[in-house]
Each structure stands twice: as C-alpha cells, then as structure tokens.
Full PDB file with SEQRES, HELIX, SHEET, SSBOND, CRYST1, ORIGX, SCALE, CONECT and MASTER records, all heavy atoms in Angstrom:
SEQRES   1 A   40  THR LEU LYS GLU ALA LEU ARG ALA GLY TYR PRO ILE ALA          
SEQRES   2 A   40  VAL GLY ASP PRO VAL ALA TRP ARG GLY ASN ILE ALA PRO          
SEQRES   3 A   40  ASP LEU PHE LEU GLN ASN ASP ARG LYS MET ARG LEU GLU          
SEQRES   4 A   40  GLY                                                          
CRYST1    1.000    1.000    1.000  90.00  90.00  90.00 P 1           1          
ORIGX1      1.000000  0.000000  0.000000        0.00000                         
ORIGX2      0.000000  1.000000  0.000000        0.00000                         
ORIGX3      0.000000  0.000000  1.000000        0.00000                         
SCALE1      1.000000  0.000000  0.000000        0.00000                         
SCALE2      0.000000  1.000000  0.000000        0.00000                         
SCALE3      0.000000  0.000000  1.000000        0.00000                         
ATOM      1  N   THR A   1       0.854  -1.183   0.000  1.00  0.00           N  
ATOM      2  CA  THR A   1       0.000   0.000   0.000  1.00  0.00           C  
ATOM      3  C   THR A   1       0.888   1.231   0.000  1.00  0.00           C  
ATOM      4  O   THR A   1       1.683   1.448   0.924  1.00  0.00           O  
ATOM      5  CB  THR A   1      -0.916   0.015   1.234  1.00  0.00           C  
ATOM      6  OG1 THR A   1      -1.750  -1.145   1.201  1.00  0.00           O  
ATOM      7  CG2 THR A   1      -1.782   1.263   1.242  1.00  0.00           C  
ATOM      8  N   LEU A   2       0.770   2.028  -1.044  1.00  0.00           N  
ATOM      9  CA  LEU A   2       1.658   3.162  -1.245  1.00  0.00           C  
ATOM     10  C   LEU A   2       1.286   4.322  -0.337  1.00  0.00           C  
ATOM     11  O   LEU A   2       0.140   4.453   0.103  1.00  0.00           O  
ATOM     12  CB  LEU A   2       1.606   3.602  -2.710  1.00  0.00           C  
ATOM     13  CG  LEU A   2       1.881   2.514  -3.754  1.00  0.00           C  
ATOM     14  CD1 LEU A   2       1.792   3.094  -5.163  1.00  0.00           C  
ATOM     15  CD2 LEU A   2       3.248   1.866  -3.528  1.00  0.00           C  
ATOM     16  N   LYS A   3       2.255   5.187  -0.083  1.00  0.00           N  
ATOM     17  CA  LYS A   3       1.997   6.374   0.735  1.00  0.00           C  
ATOM     18  C   LYS A   3       1.136   7.385  -0.008  1.00  0.00           C  
ATOM     19  O   LYS A   3       0.378   8.137   0.601  1.00  0.00           O  
ATOM     20  CB  LYS A   3       3.323   7.006   1.156  1.00  0.00           C  
ATOM     21  CG  LYS A   3       4.108   6.164   2.138  1.00  0.00           C  
ATOM     22  CD  LYS A   3       5.390   6.864   2.568  1.00  0.00           C  
ATOM     23  CE  LYS A   3       6.131   6.030   3.595  1.00  0.00           C  
ATOM     24  NZ  LYS A   3       7.397   6.681   4.036  1.00  0.00           N  
ATOM     25  N   GLU A   4       1.276   7.412  -1.322  1.00  0.00           N  
ATOM     26  CA  GLU A   4       0.466   8.288  -2.163  1.00  0.00           C  
ATOM     27  C   GLU A   4       0.060   7.524  -3.413  1.00  0.00           C  
ATOM     28  O   GLU A   4       0.802   6.645  -3.888  1.00  0.00           O  
ATOM     29  CB  GLU A   4       1.243   9.552  -2.564  1.00  0.00           C  
ATOM     30  CG  GLU A   4       1.640  10.449  -1.406  1.00  0.00           C  
ATOM     31  CD  GLU A   4       2.411  11.674  -1.877  1.00  0.00           C  
ATOM     32  OE1 GLU A   4       2.657  11.780  -3.103  1.00  0.00           O  
ATOM     33  OE2 GLU A   4       2.771  12.505  -1.039  1.00  0.00           O  
ATOM     34  N   ALA A   5      -1.080   7.878  -3.979  1.00  0.00           N  
ATOM     35  CA  ALA A   5      -1.507   7.246  -5.223  1.00  0.00           C  
ATOM     36  C   ALA A   5      -0.506   7.543  -6.334  1.00  0.00           C  
ATOM     37  O   ALA A   5       0.084   8.627  -6.391  1.00  0.00           O  
ATOM     38  CB  ALA A   5      -2.894   7.740  -5.617  1.00  0.00           C  
ATOM     39  N   LEU A   6      -0.311   6.573  -7.190  1.00  0.00           N  
ATOM     40  CA  LEU A   6       0.582   6.772  -8.327  1.00  0.00           C  
ATOM     41  C   LEU A   6       0.109   7.963  -9.148  1.00  0.00           C  
ATOM     42  O   LEU A   6      -1.075   8.077  -9.476  1.00  0.00           O  
ATOM     43  CB  LEU A   6       0.600   5.522  -9.205  1.00  0.00           C  
ATOM     44  CG  LEU A   6       1.242   4.274  -8.580  1.00  0.00           C  
ATOM     45  CD1 LEU A   6       0.876   3.040  -9.403  1.00  0.00           C  
ATOM     46  CD2 LEU A   6       2.751   4.442  -8.513  1.00  0.00           C  
ATOM     47  N   ARG A   7       1.051   8.848  -9.462  1.00  0.00           N  
ATOM     48  CA  ARG A   7       0.676  10.028 -10.236  1.00  0.00           C  
ATOM     49  C   ARG A   7       0.286   9.613 -11.647  1.00  0.00           C  
ATOM     50  O   ARG A   7       0.660   8.548 -12.154  1.00  0.00           O  
ATOM     51  CB  ARG A   7       1.841  11.022 -10.288  1.00  0.00           C  
ATOM     52  CG  ARG A   7       3.038  10.540 -11.081  1.00  0.00           C  
ATOM     53  CD  ARG A   7       4.105  11.622 -11.209  1.00  0.00           C  
ATOM     54  NE  ARG A   7       5.171  11.218 -12.095  1.00  0.00           N  
ATOM     55  CZ  ARG A   7       6.277  10.597 -11.728  1.00  0.00           C  
ATOM     56  NH1 ARG A   7       6.463  10.306 -10.454  1.00  0.00           N  
ATOM     57  NH2 ARG A   7       7.188  10.272 -12.620  1.00  0.00           N  
ATOM     58  N   ALA A   8      -0.460  10.480 -12.311  1.00  0.00           N  
ATOM     59  CA  ALA A   8      -0.815  10.242 -13.707  1.00  0.00           C  
ATOM     60  C   ALA A   8       0.454  10.124 -14.536  1.00  0.00           C  
ATOM     61  O   ALA A   8       1.360  10.942 -14.429  1.00  0.00           O  
ATOM     62  CB  ALA A   8      -1.683  11.386 -14.224  1.00  0.00           C  
ATOM     63  N   GLY A   9       0.515   9.093 -15.349  1.00  0.00           N  
ATOM     64  CA  GLY A   9       1.671   8.912 -16.215  1.00  0.00           C  
ATOM     65  C   GLY A   9       2.821   8.150 -15.593  1.00  0.00           C  
ATOM     66  O   GLY A   9       3.840   7.919 -16.264  1.00  0.00           O  
ATOM     67  N   TYR A  10       2.680   7.771 -14.306  1.00  0.00           N  
ATOM     68  CA  TYR A  10       3.777   6.999 -13.710  1.00  0.00           C  
ATOM     69  C   TYR A  10       3.947   5.707 -14.506  1.00  0.00           C  
ATOM     70  O   TYR A  10       2.990   4.961 -14.729  1.00  0.00           O  
ATOM     71  CB  TYR A  10       3.480   6.694 -12.244  1.00  0.00           C  
ATOM     72  CG  TYR A  10       4.651   6.060 -11.536  1.00  0.00           C  
ATOM     73  CD1 TYR A  10       5.616   6.843 -10.920  1.00  0.00           C  
ATOM     74  CD2 TYR A  10       4.802   4.681 -11.502  1.00  0.00           C  
ATOM     75  CE1 TYR A  10       6.706   6.261 -10.279  1.00  0.00           C  
ATOM     76  CE2 TYR A  10       5.880   4.094 -10.860  1.00  0.00           C  
ATOM     77  CZ  TYR A  10       6.834   4.897 -10.252  1.00  0.00           C  
ATOM     78  OH  TYR A  10       7.906   4.326  -9.628  1.00  0.00           O  
ATOM     79  N   PRO A  11       5.168   5.392 -14.946  1.00  0.00           N  
ATOM     80  CA  PRO A  11       5.351   4.353 -15.972  1.00  0.00           C  
ATOM     81  C   PRO A  11       5.422   2.932 -15.423  1.00  0.00           C  
ATOM     82  O   PRO A  11       6.401   2.213 -15.623  1.00  0.00           O  
ATOM     83  CB  PRO A  11       6.682   4.756 -16.604  1.00  0.00           C  
ATOM     84  CG  PRO A  11       7.459   5.366 -15.475  1.00  0.00           C  
ATOM     85  CD  PRO A  11       6.437   6.106 -14.652  1.00  0.00           C  
ATOM     86  N   ILE A  12       4.376   2.499 -14.755  1.00  0.00           N  
ATOM     87  CA  ILE A  12       4.346   1.151 -14.200  1.00  0.00           C  
ATOM     88  C   ILE A  12       3.373   0.301 -14.999  1.00  0.00           C  
ATOM     89  O   ILE A  12       2.354   0.792 -15.495  1.00  0.00           O  
ATOM     90  CB  ILE A  12       3.959   1.176 -12.707  1.00  0.00           C  
ATOM     91  CG1 ILE A  12       4.147  -0.197 -12.063  1.00  0.00           C  
ATOM     92  CG2 ILE A  12       2.541   1.687 -12.517  1.00  0.00           C  
ATOM     93  CD1 ILE A  12       3.965  -0.190 -10.554  1.00  0.00           C  
ATOM     94  N   ALA A  13       3.699  -0.999 -15.138  1.00  0.00           N  
ATOM     95  CA  ALA A  13       2.813  -1.908 -15.859  1.00  0.00           C  
ATOM     96  C   ALA A  13       2.936  -3.294 -15.241  1.00  0.00           C  
ATOM     97  O   ALA A  13       3.966  -3.643 -14.653  1.00  0.00           O  
ATOM     98  CB  ALA A  13       3.178  -1.957 -17.345  1.00  0.00           C  
ATOM     99  N   VAL A  14       1.884  -4.072 -15.379  1.00  0.00           N  
ATOM    100  CA  VAL A  14       1.927  -5.464 -14.946  1.00  0.00           C  
ATOM    101  C   VAL A  14       3.067  -6.163 -15.692  1.00  0.00           C  
ATOM    102  O   VAL A  14       3.242  -5.982 -16.897  1.00  0.00           O  
ATOM    103  CB  VAL A  14       0.584  -6.157 -15.212  1.00  0.00           C  
ATOM    104  CG1 VAL A  14       0.698  -7.665 -15.002  1.00  0.00           C  
ATOM    105  CG2 VAL A  14      -0.497  -5.576 -14.305  1.00  0.00           C  
ATOM    106  N   GLY A  15       3.836  -6.923 -14.961  1.00  0.00           N  
ATOM    107  CA  GLY A  15       4.991  -7.604 -15.539  1.00  0.00           C  
ATOM    108  C   GLY A  15       6.316  -6.916 -15.293  1.00  0.00           C  
ATOM    109  O   GLY A  15       7.378  -7.512 -15.504  1.00  0.00           O  
ATOM    110  N   ASP A  16       6.288  -5.655 -14.830  1.00  0.00           N  
ATOM    111  CA  ASP A  16       7.539  -4.947 -14.556  1.00  0.00           C  
ATOM    112  C   ASP A  16       8.301  -5.622 -13.413  1.00  0.00           C  
ATOM    113  O   ASP A  16       7.709  -5.957 -12.376  1.00  0.00           O  
ATOM    114  CB  ASP A  16       7.273  -3.492 -14.167  1.00  0.00           C  
ATOM    115  CG  ASP A  16       6.936  -2.619 -15.354  1.00  0.00           C  
ATOM    116  OD1 ASP A  16       7.098  -3.075 -16.505  1.00  0.00           O  
ATOM    117  OD2 ASP A  16       6.513  -1.463 -15.129  1.00  0.00           O  
ATOM    118  N   PRO A  17       9.597  -5.791 -13.563  1.00  0.00           N  
ATOM    119  CA  PRO A  17      10.390  -6.292 -12.440  1.00  0.00           C  
ATOM    120  C   PRO A  17      10.492  -5.240 -11.333  1.00  0.00           C  
ATOM    121  O   PRO A  17      10.570  -4.040 -11.609  1.00  0.00           O  
ATOM    122  CB  PRO A  17      11.766  -6.559 -13.069  1.00  0.00           C  
ATOM    123  CG  PRO A  17      11.550  -6.535 -14.550  1.00  0.00           C  
ATOM    124  CD  PRO A  17      10.397  -5.613 -14.786  1.00  0.00           C  
ATOM    125  N   VAL A  18      10.504  -5.679 -10.092  1.00  0.00           N  
ATOM    126  CA  VAL A  18      10.724  -4.800  -8.950  1.00  0.00           C  
ATOM    127  C   VAL A  18      11.711  -5.483  -8.006  1.00  0.00           C  
ATOM    128  O   VAL A  18      11.842  -6.709  -7.990  1.00  0.00           O  
ATOM    129  CB  VAL A  18       9.430  -4.459  -8.189  1.00  0.00           C  
ATOM    130  CG1 VAL A  18       8.496  -3.614  -9.031  1.00  0.00           C  
ATOM    131  CG2 VAL A  18       8.724  -5.719  -7.723  1.00  0.00           C  
ATOM    132  N   ALA A  19      12.394  -4.663  -7.226  1.00  0.00           N  
ATOM    133  CA  ALA A  19      13.318  -5.185  -6.219  1.00  0.00           C  
ATOM    134  C   ALA A  19      13.217  -4.318  -4.980  1.00  0.00           C  
ATOM    135  O   ALA A  19      12.729  -3.185  -5.027  1.00  0.00           O  
ATOM    136  CB  ALA A  19      14.750  -5.188  -6.759  1.00  0.00           C  
ATOM    137  N   TRP A  20      13.684  -4.850  -3.859  1.00  0.00           N  
ATOM    138  CA  TRP A  20      13.723  -4.075  -2.619  1.00  0.00           C  
ATOM    139  C   TRP A  20      14.896  -4.586  -1.793  1.00  0.00           C  
ATOM    140  O   TRP A  20      15.255  -5.760  -1.834  1.00  0.00           O  
ATOM    141  CB  TRP A  20      12.410  -4.195  -1.838  1.00  0.00           C  
ATOM    142  CG  TRP A  20      11.964  -5.608  -1.609  1.00  0.00           C  
ATOM    143  CD1 TRP A  20      12.224  -6.411  -0.543  1.00  0.00           C  
ATOM    144  CD2 TRP A  20      11.173  -6.398  -2.517  1.00  0.00           C  
ATOM    145  NE1 TRP A  20      11.654  -7.632  -0.705  1.00  0.00           N  
ATOM    146  CE2 TRP A  20      10.998  -7.669  -1.903  1.00  0.00           C  
ATOM    147  CE3 TRP A  20      10.597  -6.157  -3.763  1.00  0.00           C  
ATOM    148  CZ2 TRP A  20      10.271  -8.680  -2.515  1.00  0.00           C  
ATOM    149  CZ3 TRP A  20       9.880  -7.164  -4.364  1.00  0.00           C  
ATOM    150  CH2 TRP A  20       9.712  -8.404  -3.745  1.00  0.00           C  
ATOM    151  N   ARG A  21      15.483  -3.661  -1.073  1.00  0.00           N  
ATOM    152  CA  ARG A  21      16.660  -4.039  -0.308  1.00  0.00           C  
ATOM    153  C   ARG A  21      16.270  -4.556   1.078  1.00  0.00           C  
ATOM    154  O   ARG A  21      15.203  -4.247   1.608  1.00  0.00           O  
ATOM    155  CB  ARG A  21      17.620  -2.871  -0.173  1.00  0.00           C  
ATOM    156  CG  ARG A  21      17.213  -1.759   0.765  1.00  0.00           C  
ATOM    157  CD  ARG A  21      18.239  -0.643   0.638  1.00  0.00           C  
ATOM    158  NE  ARG A  21      18.119   0.379   1.687  1.00  0.00           N  
ATOM    159  CZ  ARG A  21      18.875   1.474   1.724  1.00  0.00           C  
ATOM    160  NH1 ARG A  21      19.772   1.688   0.778  1.00  0.00           N  
ATOM    161  NH2 ARG A  21      18.741   2.356   2.695  1.00  0.00           N  
ATOM    162  N   GLY A  22      17.176  -5.318   1.664  1.00  0.00           N  
ATOM    163  CA  GLY A  22      16.993  -5.783   3.024  1.00  0.00           C  
ATOM    164  C   GLY A  22      17.671  -4.858   4.013  1.00  0.00           C  
ATOM    165  O   GLY A  22      18.187  -3.794   3.671  1.00  0.00           O  
ATOM    166  N   ASN A  23      17.667  -5.269   5.277  1.00  0.00           N  
ATOM    167  CA  ASN A  23      18.357  -4.496   6.304  1.00  0.00           C  
ATOM    168  C   ASN A  23      19.858  -4.498   6.032  1.00  0.00           C  
ATOM    169  O   ASN A  23      20.395  -5.448   5.463  1.00  0.00           O  
ATOM    170  CB  ASN A  23      18.048  -5.069   7.690  1.00  0.00           C  
ATOM    171  CG  ASN A  23      16.580  -4.937   8.036  1.00  0.00           C  
ATOM    172  OD1 ASN A  23      15.859  -4.100   7.482  1.00  0.00           O  
ATOM    173  ND2 ASN A  23      16.101  -5.772   8.956  1.00  0.00           N  
ATOM    174  N   ILE A  24      20.516  -3.448   6.484  1.00  0.00           N  
ATOM    175  CA  ILE A  24      21.868  -3.157   6.015  1.00  0.00           C  
ATOM    176  C   ILE A  24      22.930  -3.584   7.029  1.00  0.00           C  
ATOM    177  O   ILE A  24      22.814  -3.319   8.223  1.00  0.00           O  
ATOM    178  CB  ILE A  24      22.002  -1.659   5.712  1.00  0.00           C  
ATOM    179  CG1 ILE A  24      21.158  -1.307   4.479  1.00  0.00           C  
ATOM    180  CG2 ILE A  24      23.443  -1.252   5.499  1.00  0.00           C  
ATOM    181  CD1 ILE A  24      21.108   0.164   4.180  1.00  0.00           C  
ATOM    182  N   ALA A  25      23.971  -4.238   6.523  1.00  0.00           N  
ATOM    183  CA  ALA A  25      25.204  -4.489   7.276  1.00  0.00           C  
ATOM    184  C   ALA A  25      26.357  -4.354   6.297  1.00  0.00           C  
ATOM    185  O   ALA A  25      26.316  -4.926   5.205  1.00  0.00           O  
ATOM    186  CB  ALA A  25      25.197  -5.885   7.893  1.00  0.00           C  
ATOM    187  N   PRO A  26      27.394  -3.591   6.622  1.00  0.00           N  
ATOM    188  CA  PRO A  26      28.501  -3.425   5.674  1.00  0.00           C  
ATOM    189  C   PRO A  26      29.231  -4.737   5.442  1.00  0.00           C  
ATOM    190  O   PRO A  26      29.460  -5.515   6.381  1.00  0.00           O  
ATOM    191  CB  PRO A  26      29.402  -2.394   6.356  1.00  0.00           C  
ATOM    192  CG  PRO A  26      29.054  -2.473   7.803  1.00  0.00           C  
ATOM    193  CD  PRO A  26      27.608  -2.846   7.868  1.00  0.00           C  
ATOM    194  N   ASP A  27      29.608  -5.001   4.195  1.00  0.00           N  
ATOM    195  CA  ASP A  27      30.337  -6.231   3.909  1.00  0.00           C  
ATOM    196  C   ASP A  27      31.795  -6.141   4.351  1.00  0.00           C  
ATOM    197  O   ASP A  27      32.340  -7.099   4.886  1.00  0.00           O  
ATOM    198  CB  ASP A  27      30.242  -6.562   2.415  1.00  0.00           C  
ATOM    199  CG  ASP A  27      29.129  -7.558   2.153  1.00  0.00           C  
ATOM    200  OD1 ASP A  27      29.081  -8.564   2.865  1.00  0.00           O  
ATOM    201  OD2 ASP A  27      28.311  -7.324   1.262  1.00  0.00           O  
ATOM    202  N   LEU A  28      32.446  -5.030   4.112  1.00  0.00           N  
ATOM    203  CA  LEU A  28      33.803  -4.803   4.603  1.00  0.00           C  
ATOM    204  C   LEU A  28      33.798  -3.489   5.364  1.00  0.00           C  
ATOM    205  O   LEU A  28      33.586  -2.426   4.781  1.00  0.00           O  
ATOM    206  CB  LEU A  28      34.803  -4.747   3.447  1.00  0.00           C  
ATOM    207  CG  LEU A  28      36.246  -4.389   3.822  1.00  0.00           C  
ATOM    208  CD1 LEU A  28      36.807  -5.344   4.862  1.00  0.00           C  
ATOM    209  CD2 LEU A  28      37.127  -4.379   2.579  1.00  0.00           C  
ATOM    210  N   PHE A  29      34.025  -3.572   6.679  1.00  0.00           N  
ATOM    211  CA  PHE A  29      33.966  -2.400   7.538  1.00  0.00           C  
ATOM    212  C   PHE A  29      35.355  -2.132   8.093  1.00  0.00           C  
ATOM    213  O   PHE A  29      35.953  -2.994   8.742  1.00  0.00           O  
ATOM    214  CB  PHE A  29      32.972  -2.638   8.679  1.00  0.00           C  
ATOM    215  CG  PHE A  29      32.728  -1.428   9.551  1.00  0.00           C  
ATOM    216  CD1 PHE A  29      32.560  -0.168   9.006  1.00  0.00           C  
ATOM    217  CD2 PHE A  29      32.654  -1.559  10.927  1.00  0.00           C  
ATOM    218  CE1 PHE A  29      32.328   0.945   9.799  1.00  0.00           C  
ATOM    219  CE2 PHE A  29      32.417  -0.463  11.749  1.00  0.00           C  
ATOM    220  CZ  PHE A  29      32.260   0.791  11.176  1.00  0.00           C  
ATOM    221  N   LEU A  30      35.859  -0.927   7.822  1.00  0.00           N  
ATOM    222  CA  LEU A  30      37.178  -0.504   8.286  1.00  0.00           C  
ATOM    223  C   LEU A  30      36.981   0.611   9.300  1.00  0.00           C  
ATOM    224  O   LEU A  30      36.531   1.697   8.943  1.00  0.00           O  
ATOM    225  CB  LEU A  30      38.024  -0.004   7.117  1.00  0.00           C  
ATOM    226  CG  LEU A  30      38.147  -0.956   5.911  1.00  0.00           C  
ATOM    227  CD1 LEU A  30      38.977  -0.301   4.818  1.00  0.00           C  
ATOM    228  CD2 LEU A  30      38.738  -2.292   6.311  1.00  0.00           C  
ATOM    229  N   GLN A  31      37.323   0.357  10.559  1.00  0.00           N  
ATOM    230  CA  GLN A  31      37.096   1.338  11.614  1.00  0.00           C  
ATOM    231  C   GLN A  31      38.419   1.731  12.266  1.00  0.00           C  
ATOM    232  O   GLN A  31      39.163   0.889  12.756  1.00  0.00           O  
ATOM    233  CB  GLN A  31      36.149   0.772  12.674  1.00  0.00           C  
ATOM    234  CG  GLN A  31      35.867   1.746  13.824  1.00  0.00           C  
ATOM    235  CD  GLN A  31      34.768   1.270  14.724  1.00  0.00           C  
ATOM    236  OE1 GLN A  31      33.612   1.644  14.548  1.00  0.00           O  
ATOM    237  NE2 GLN A  31      35.088   0.458  15.726  1.00  0.00           N  
ATOM    238  N   ASN A  32      38.670   3.037  12.239  1.00  0.00           N  
ATOM    239  CA  ASN A  32      39.843   3.602  12.902  1.00  0.00           C  
ATOM    240  C   ASN A  32      41.138   3.011  12.339  1.00  0.00           C  
ATOM    241  O   ASN A  32      42.072   2.704  13.071  1.00  0.00           O  
ATOM    242  CB  ASN A  32      39.773   3.370  14.418  1.00  0.00           C  
ATOM    243  CG  ASN A  32      40.674   4.326  15.183  1.00  0.00           C  
ATOM    244  OD1 ASN A  32      40.786   5.495  14.832  1.00  0.00           O  
ATOM    245  ND2 ASN A  32      41.320   3.838  16.223  1.00  0.00           N  
ATOM    246  N   ASP A  33      41.195   2.882  11.020  1.00  0.00           N  
ATOM    247  CA  ASP A  33      42.353   2.294  10.346  1.00  0.00           C  
ATOM    248  C   ASP A  33      43.161   3.369   9.621  1.00  0.00           C  
ATOM    249  O   ASP A  33      42.745   4.525   9.494  1.00  0.00           O  
ATOM    250  CB  ASP A  33      41.894   1.237   9.342  1.00  0.00           C  
ATOM    251  CG  ASP A  33      41.151   0.088   9.993  1.00  0.00           C  
ATOM    252  OD1 ASP A  33      41.480  -0.244  11.143  1.00  0.00           O  
ATOM    253  OD2 ASP A  33      40.242  -0.463   9.351  1.00  0.00           O  
ATOM    254  N   ARG A  34      44.308   2.948   9.077  1.00  0.00           N  
ATOM    255  CA  ARG A  34      45.120   3.845   8.263  1.00  0.00           C  
ATOM    256  C   ARG A  34      45.903   3.029   7.243  1.00  0.00           C  
ATOM    257  O   ARG A  34      46.258   1.878   7.471  1.00  0.00           O  
ATOM    258  CB  ARG A  34      46.077   4.662   9.125  1.00  0.00           C  
ATOM    259  CG  ARG A  34      47.093   3.830   9.893  1.00  0.00           C  
ATOM    260  CD  ARG A  34      47.979   4.686  10.773  1.00  0.00           C  
ATOM    261  NE  ARG A  34      48.817   5.562   9.954  1.00  0.00           N  
ATOM    262  CZ  ARG A  34      49.570   6.543  10.450  1.00  0.00           C  
ATOM    263  NH1 ARG A  34      49.556   6.793  11.754  1.00  0.00           N  
ATOM    264  NH2 ARG A  34      50.309   7.281   9.671  1.00  0.00           N  
ATOM    265  N   LYS A  35      46.117   3.654   6.089  1.00  0.00           N  
ATOM    266  CA  LYS A  35      46.934   3.085   5.022  1.00  0.00           C  
ATOM    267  C   LYS A  35      46.524   1.658   4.661  1.00  0.00           C  
ATOM    268  O   LYS A  35      47.362   0.792   4.396  1.00  0.00           O  
ATOM    269  CB  LYS A  35      48.416   3.146   5.400  1.00  0.00           C  
ATOM    270  CG  LYS A  35      48.944   4.564   5.560  1.00  0.00           C  
ATOM    271  CD  LYS A  35      50.426   4.591   5.858  1.00  0.00           C  
ATOM    272  CE  LYS A  35      50.918   6.033   5.992  1.00  0.00           C  
ATOM    273  NZ  LYS A  35      52.370   6.102   6.335  1.00  0.00           N  
ATOM    274  N   MET A  36      45.224   1.416   4.635  1.00  0.00           N  
ATOM    275  CA  MET A  36      44.700   0.142   4.151  1.00  0.00           C  
ATOM    276  C   MET A  36      44.698   0.155   2.626  1.00  0.00           C  
ATOM    277  O   MET A  36      44.613   1.213   1.993  1.00  0.00           O  
ATOM    278  CB  MET A  36      43.295  -0.093   4.684  1.00  0.00           C  
ATOM    279  CG  MET A  36      43.183  -0.040   6.208  1.00  0.00           C  
ATOM    280  SD  MET A  36      43.948  -1.426   7.024  1.00  0.00           S  
ATOM    281  CE  MET A  36      42.705  -2.691   6.783  1.00  0.00           C  
ATOM    282  N   ARG A  37      44.777  -1.033   2.045  1.00  0.00           N  
ATOM    283  CA  ARG A  37      44.804  -1.120   0.579  1.00  0.00           C  
ATOM    284  C   ARG A  37      43.940  -2.293   0.135  1.00  0.00           C  
ATOM    285  O   ARG A  37      44.109  -3.421   0.614  1.00  0.00           O  
ATOM    286  CB  ARG A  37      46.233  -1.286   0.071  1.00  0.00           C  
ATOM    287  CG  ARG A  37      46.370  -1.099  -1.428  1.00  0.00           C  
ATOM    288  CD  ARG A  37      47.823  -1.067  -1.853  1.00  0.00           C  
ATOM    289  NE  ARG A  37      47.947  -0.743  -3.278  1.00  0.00           N  
ATOM    290  CZ  ARG A  37      48.123   0.469  -3.758  1.00  0.00           C  
ATOM    291  NH1 ARG A  37      48.234   1.489  -2.922  1.00  0.00           N  
ATOM    292  NH2 ARG A  37      48.211   0.684  -5.059  1.00  0.00           N  
ATOM    293  N   LEU A  38      43.026  -2.005  -0.777  1.00  0.00           N  
ATOM    294  CA  LEU A  38      42.104  -3.008  -1.305  1.00  0.00           C  
ATOM    295  C   LEU A  38      42.330  -3.103  -2.804  1.00  0.00           C  
ATOM    296  O   LEU A  38      42.127  -2.126  -3.529  1.00  0.00           O  
ATOM    297  CB  LEU A  38      40.660  -2.601  -0.996  1.00  0.00           C  
ATOM    298  CG  LEU A  38      39.542  -3.560  -1.389  1.00  0.00           C  
ATOM    299  CD1 LEU A  38      39.692  -4.865  -0.639  1.00  0.00           C  
ATOM    300  CD2 LEU A  38      38.192  -2.945  -1.089  1.00  0.00           C  
ATOM    301  N   GLU A  39      42.782  -4.260  -3.282  1.00  0.00           N  
ATOM    302  CA  GLU A  39      43.159  -4.435  -4.685  1.00  0.00           C  
ATOM    303  C   GLU A  39      42.439  -5.628  -5.291  1.00  0.00           C  
ATOM    304  O   GLU A  39      42.646  -6.765  -4.876  1.00  0.00           O  
ATOM    305  CB  GLU A  39      44.676  -4.661  -4.802  1.00  0.00           C  
ATOM    306  CG  GLU A  39      45.532  -3.434  -4.566  1.00  0.00           C  
ATOM    307  CD  GLU A  39      45.785  -2.644  -5.851  1.00  0.00           C  
ATOM    308  OE1 GLU A  39      45.088  -2.903  -6.860  1.00  0.00           O  
ATOM    309  OE2 GLU A  39      46.680  -1.781  -5.820  1.00  0.00           O  
ATOM    310  N   GLY A  40      41.562  -5.362  -6.267  1.00  0.00           N  
ATOM    311  CA  GLY A  40      41.030  -6.426  -7.100  1.00  0.00           C  
ATOM    312  C   GLY A  40      39.963  -7.293  -6.477  1.00  0.00           C  
ATOM    313  O   GLY A  40      39.699  -8.402  -6.963  1.00  0.00           O  
TER     314      GLY A  40                                                      
MASTER        0    0    0    0    0    0    0    6  313    1    0    4          
END                                                                             
C-alpha cells in the first residue's frame, strides 16, 4: 500500500520487475584504520 496514489503517467505496468533491499550491514567495515589497501 503506497503512501500516495501513483501520479498520472507513472510508468508502471503489470509484468515490470521490482526489487527491494533488506536491512543493512557493511560487507567490509574498516574502523579507525590507516593506510589500508584493497586491490582487485
């Protein structure tokens, strides 16, 4: 249920792919570091 009705002309159609993200956790977290190097 949307917060507002889709505006006129909003380009949505049945069959359109949609995605949504999950809750967030960093994959690589660098805290209080120095001269780190990430290659490739």
